Amino acid sequence: MARDKAEPAIVRLDQVDSTQTVAFALAERGATDRTVVVADQQAAGRGRRGRVWQAPARTSLLASILVRSGLPQALLATLSPTTAVATAEALRRVAPLEPRLKWPNDVLVGGRKIAGILLESRAVASSEPVLVIGVGINLGQREFPPELAGRATSVALETGHAVDRETMLAALLEEFDAWRARLEGEGFGPVRERWKSLSDTIGRHVTVDGVSGTATDLDGDGALLIDVGDGVRRVIAGEITTDETTGEAHAARR
């Protein structure tokens, strides 16, 4: 699908219930592809499986990207690992970090979550699927609540200083545009290979919603392939845990 040649809009807001909700509302009113919603704070930010995402005001980059893609329906889900790769590459650009990717949608530094992605699709007043990809990146937090302290981190905690949110946003959107273009132009192959090179999941013993074994690969649609001993199982989505001795024990979105 041809992109709108006009400069994509960036809608900046103070506090919202959720940038995802705002982006879908804009889509209903005809907002163009790659419209971005950014907020200082979310009152009811959404995560995977109904989780709530909360962060002190102006400590995180909270963004939702509206996508009107011409990808085949079967490949729309690959926009999630594509965005994870873009987020990791953006973090590498703006800070001395070595991010790793945890299936399905977390970005880790030192085994702790620094960013997460949420992809949602809805039918709006058009014939094409509309997706909104939410990205949350921890930038300025110096501490986390006790229940998150061992599992979450931020740019400030890892490097000693926070990255400016506009700098982070610019890097994220540049990487997102580049990796999305590769996905739409070359297929999932190049994205898949980069995701695997950054993966903190491949090669680990994992359990995903009752399926246990060694994570071996990503399938062509972003599904995780798990060697269960007597065969390979495909897992499209789910809650992932890893052995305590080999990695972080619990996955949570943004």
Protein backbone atom coordinates (compact mmCIF):
# COMPACT_ATOMS: atom_id res chain seq x y z
CA MET A 1 0.00 0.00 0.00
CA ALA A 2 1.36 3.42 -0.88
CA ARG A 3 2.19 5.62 2.06
CA ASP A 4 0.67 9.04 2.54
CA LYS A 5 3.35 11.45 1.32
CA ALA A 6 2.35 14.12 3.82
CA GLU A 7 4.39 14.37 6.99
CA PRO A 8 2.81 11.98 9.50
CA ALA A 9 1.16 13.68 12.46
CA ILE A 10 2.49 13.47 16.01
CA VAL A 11 -0.22 14.21 18.55
CA ARG A 12 1.26 15.24 21.91
CA LEU A 13 -0.93 15.13 25.01
CA ASP A 14 -0.44 15.65 28.73
CA GLN A 15 -2.43 12.92 30.46
CA VAL A 16 -4.67 10.36 28.78
CA ASP A 17 -6.38 7.16 29.81
CA SER A 18 -4.38 5.30 27.17
CA THR A 19 -2.50 6.35 24.06
CA GLN A 20 -3.93 3.23 22.41
CA THR A 21 -7.50 4.44 22.98
CA VAL A 22 -6.68 7.88 21.59
CA ALA A 23 -5.02 6.40 18.51
CA PHE A 24 -8.01 4.20 17.71
CA ALA A 25 -10.34 7.17 18.15
CA LEU A 26 -8.22 9.13 15.68
CA ALA A 27 -8.35 6.17 13.29
CA GLU A 28 -12.15 6.25 13.43
CA ARG A 29 -11.96 9.88 12.33
CA GLY A 30 -9.71 9.04 9.39
CA ALA A 31 -6.23 9.66 10.80
CA THR A 32 -3.53 8.75 8.31
CA ASP A 33 -1.02 5.93 8.41
CA ARG A 34 1.82 6.45 10.91
CA THR A 35 -0.04 8.98 13.02
CA VAL A 36 1.63 8.90 16.44
CA VAL A 37 0.10 9.65 19.83
CA VAL A 38 2.51 10.58 22.65
CA ALA A 39 1.50 11.30 26.24
CA ASP A 40 3.28 12.53 29.36
CA GLN A 41 1.27 10.15 31.53
CA GLN A 42 -1.37 7.45 31.22
CA ALA A 43 -4.11 6.91 33.77
CA ALA A 44 -5.17 3.54 32.39
CA GLY A 45 -2.46 2.42 30.01
CA ARG A 46 -3.07 -1.05 28.61
CA GLY A 47 -0.71 -3.98 28.56
CA ARG A 48 -0.96 -7.52 27.36
CA ARG A 49 -3.78 -9.64 28.78
CA GLY A 50 -5.49 -6.70 30.43
CA ARG A 51 -2.56 -5.51 32.51
CA VAL A 52 -2.37 -1.87 33.52
CA TRP A 53 0.72 0.12 32.60
CA GLN A 54 1.54 3.00 34.92
CA ALA A 55 4.56 5.26 35.22
CA PRO A 56 5.27 8.59 36.92
CA ALA A 57 4.65 11.55 34.64
CA ARG A 58 7.34 12.27 32.05
CA THR A 59 9.57 9.36 33.11
CA SER A 60 8.78 7.15 30.09
CA LEU A 61 8.25 7.46 26.39
CA LEU A 62 4.60 6.44 25.95
CA ALA A 63 3.69 6.27 22.28
CA SER A 64 1.13 4.60 20.04
CA ILE A 65 1.64 4.31 16.28
CA LEU A 66 -1.34 3.99 13.96
CA VAL A 67 -0.62 1.58 11.11
CA ARG A 68 -2.65 1.11 7.95
CA SER A 69 -0.63 -1.65 6.31
CA GLY A 70 -0.97 -3.46 3.04
CA LEU A 71 0.64 -6.57 4.50
CA PRO A 72 -1.25 -9.84 4.06
CA GLN A 73 -3.46 -10.64 7.05
CA ALA A 74 -1.20 -13.57 8.00
CA LEU A 75 1.79 -11.23 8.40
CA LEU A 76 0.20 -8.41 10.37
CA ALA A 77 1.33 -9.97 13.65
CA THR A 78 4.95 -9.68 12.52
CA LEU A 79 4.68 -5.94 13.09
CA SER A 80 5.12 -6.75 16.79
CA PRO A 81 8.62 -8.31 16.51
CA THR A 82 9.43 -5.68 13.90
CA THR A 83 8.65 -2.95 16.42
CA ALA A 84 10.66 -4.80 19.08
CA VAL A 85 13.69 -4.78 16.78
CA ALA A 86 13.16 -1.08 16.04
CA THR A 87 12.90 -0.30 19.76
CA ALA A 88 16.10 -2.18 20.56
CA GLU A 89 17.97 -0.48 17.72
CA ALA A 90 16.70 2.93 18.83
CA LEU A 91 17.88 2.31 22.39
CA ARG A 92 21.30 1.29 21.07
CA ARG A 93 21.49 4.57 19.16
CA VAL A 94 20.69 6.89 22.06
CA ALA A 95 22.42 5.17 24.98
CA PRO A 96 25.36 2.83 25.64
CA LEU A 97 23.07 -0.18 26.05
CA GLU A 98 22.91 -3.71 24.69
CA PRO A 99 19.18 -4.48 24.58
CA ARG A 100 17.94 -8.03 24.15
CA LEU A 101 14.53 -9.21 22.98
CA LYS A 102 12.25 -11.52 24.90
CA TRP A 103 9.40 -13.17 23.03
CA PRO A 104 6.75 -12.05 22.43
CA ASN A 105 7.20 -8.31 23.04
CA ASP A 106 9.67 -7.28 25.74
CA VAL A 107 12.98 -5.44 25.45
CA LEU A 108 15.46 -6.28 28.21
CA VAL A 109 18.70 -4.84 29.50
CA GLY A 110 20.64 -7.00 31.91
CA GLY A 111 17.70 -9.39 32.13
CA ARG A 112 15.31 -6.66 33.27
CA LYS A 113 12.56 -5.08 31.23
CA ILE A 114 13.23 -1.63 29.82
CA ALA A 115 10.53 -1.50 27.14
CA GLY A 116 7.52 -3.35 25.81
CA ILE A 117 5.23 -3.43 22.82
CA LEU A 118 1.49 -3.98 22.47
CA LEU A 119 -0.11 -4.56 19.06
CA GLU A 120 -3.88 -4.25 18.78
CA SER A 121 -6.14 -4.49 15.73
CA ARG A 122 -9.68 -3.21 15.33
CA ALA A 123 -12.24 -2.76 12.62
CA VAL A 124 -12.93 0.88 11.90
CA ALA A 125 -14.91 2.64 9.20
CA SER A 126 -12.77 1.32 6.36
CA SER A 127 -12.19 -1.88 4.42
CA GLU A 128 -8.66 -2.43 5.70
CA PRO A 129 -7.48 -3.56 9.15
CA VAL A 130 -6.23 -0.79 11.38
CA LEU A 131 -3.51 -1.57 13.87
CA VAL A 132 -2.16 0.46 16.73
CA ILE A 133 1.25 -0.42 18.12
CA GLY A 134 1.93 0.82 21.63
CA VAL A 135 5.52 1.30 22.77
CA GLY A 136 6.57 2.09 26.33
CA ILE A 137 10.22 2.80 27.09
CA ASN A 138 11.47 3.44 30.63
CA LEU A 139 13.74 6.48 30.50
CA GLY A 140 14.01 8.47 33.71
CA GLN A 141 12.87 6.18 36.53
CA ARG A 142 15.38 6.00 39.36
CA GLU A 143 13.44 3.37 41.26
CA PHE A 144 10.47 1.04 40.83
CA PRO A 145 7.83 -0.30 43.22
CA PRO A 146 8.99 -3.36 45.18
CA GLU A 147 6.96 -5.73 43.01
CA LEU A 148 8.83 -4.51 39.90
CA ALA A 149 12.25 -3.63 41.29
CA GLY A 150 13.84 -6.94 40.33
CA ARG A 151 12.23 -7.12 36.91
CA ALA A 152 12.28 -3.57 35.53
CA THR A 153 14.95 -1.06 34.65
CA SER A 154 15.35 2.27 32.85
CA VAL A 155 17.89 4.16 30.81
CA ALA A 156 18.65 6.29 33.88
CA LEU A 157 19.31 3.28 36.08
CA GLU A 158 21.49 1.61 33.47
CA THR A 159 23.52 4.62 32.36
CA GLY A 160 23.24 7.16 35.17
CA HIS A 161 21.26 9.68 33.12
CA ALA A 162 17.93 9.83 31.34
CA VAL A 163 17.55 10.28 27.60
CA ASP A 164 15.44 13.18 26.40
CA ARG A 165 12.03 11.86 25.34
CA GLU A 166 12.03 13.73 22.03
CA THR A 167 15.43 12.26 21.19
CA MET A 168 14.14 8.80 22.03
CA LEU A 169 10.96 9.33 20.02
CA ALA A 170 12.87 10.51 16.95
CA ALA A 171 15.19 7.50 17.06
CA LEU A 172 12.27 5.11 17.60
CA LEU A 173 10.28 6.45 14.65
CA GLU A 174 13.28 6.44 12.33
CA GLU A 175 14.01 2.81 13.21
CA PHE A 176 10.34 1.85 13.02
CA ASP A 177 9.98 3.38 9.56
CA ALA A 178 13.14 1.64 8.33
CA TRP A 179 12.28 -1.80 9.68
CA ARG A 180 8.64 -1.55 8.62
CA ALA A 181 9.80 -0.69 5.10
CA ARG A 182 12.00 -3.79 5.08
CA LEU A 183 9.11 -5.93 6.34
CA GLU A 184 6.72 -4.63 3.70
CA GLY A 185 9.32 -4.66 0.91
CA GLU A 186 11.35 -7.80 1.64
CA GLY A 187 9.10 -9.91 3.85
CA PHE A 188 9.67 -11.06 7.41
CA GLY A 189 13.04 -12.72 6.70
CA PRO A 190 15.40 -9.79 7.43
CA VAL A 191 13.42 -8.74 10.51
CA ARG A 192 13.34 -12.34 11.75
CA GLU A 193 17.10 -12.71 11.44
CA ARG A 194 17.76 -9.47 13.32
CA TRP A 195 15.25 -10.44 16.02
CA LYS A 196 17.02 -13.77 16.48
CA SER A 197 20.42 -12.08 16.73
CA LEU A 198 19.07 -9.91 19.55
CA SER A 199 17.02 -12.66 21.19
CA ASP A 200 17.16 -13.48 24.88
CA THR A 201 14.67 -16.32 24.31
CA ILE A 202 16.11 -18.56 21.59
CA GLY A 203 18.09 -21.42 23.13
CA ARG A 204 16.46 -21.18 26.55
CA HIS A 205 14.18 -23.68 28.22
CA VAL A 206 10.79 -21.98 28.36
CA THR A 207 7.20 -22.64 29.30
CA VAL A 208 4.41 -20.89 27.45
CA ASP A 209 0.88 -21.61 28.66
CA GLY A 210 1.70 -25.21 29.49
CA VAL A 211 4.04 -25.91 26.55
CA SER A 212 7.58 -26.59 27.84
CA GLY A 213 10.78 -27.13 25.94
CA THR A 214 13.68 -25.32 24.28
CA ALA A 215 12.87 -22.24 22.23
CA THR A 216 14.53 -22.88 18.88
CA ASP A 217 13.30 -20.35 16.35
CA LEU A 218 10.69 -17.90 15.14
CA ASP A 219 8.31 -19.12 12.48
CA GLY A 220 7.50 -17.09 9.39
CA ASP A 221 4.58 -15.38 11.09
CA GLY A 222 6.37 -14.57 14.37
CA ALA A 223 5.19 -17.66 16.26
CA LEU A 224 7.69 -19.16 18.70
CA LEU A 225 8.92 -22.66 17.86
CA ILE A 226 9.53 -24.85 20.90
CA ASP A 227 11.28 -28.23 20.82
CA VAL A 228 9.29 -30.31 23.31
CA GLY A 229 11.45 -33.43 22.91
CA ASP A 230 9.24 -35.45 20.61
CA GLY A 231 8.55 -32.68 18.13
CA VAL A 232 8.31 -28.94 17.65
CA ARG A 233 5.30 -26.95 18.83
CA ARG A 234 4.21 -23.59 17.47
CA VAL A 235 3.08 -21.02 20.01
CA ILE A 236 1.34 -17.98 18.57
CA ALA A 237 0.94 -16.01 21.81
CA GLY A 238 1.03 -16.57 25.53
CA GLU A 239 2.67 -15.95 28.87
CA ILE A 240 6.30 -17.07 28.84
CA THR A 241 8.49 -18.14 31.74
CA THR A 242 12.09 -19.26 31.63
CA ASP A 243 14.17 -21.37 33.98
CA GLU A 244 15.31 -19.31 36.97
CA THR A 245 18.87 -20.40 36.26
CA THR A 246 18.81 -19.20 32.67
CA GLY A 247 16.91 -15.98 32.67
CA GLU A 248 14.19 -13.70 33.87
CA ALA A 249 11.27 -15.56 35.40
CA HIS A 250 8.25 -13.57 34.32
CA ALA A 251 7.14 -11.66 31.27
CA ALA A 252 5.08 -8.49 31.50
CA ARG A 253 4.23 -5.89 28.91
CA ARG A 254 5.14 -2.24 29.02
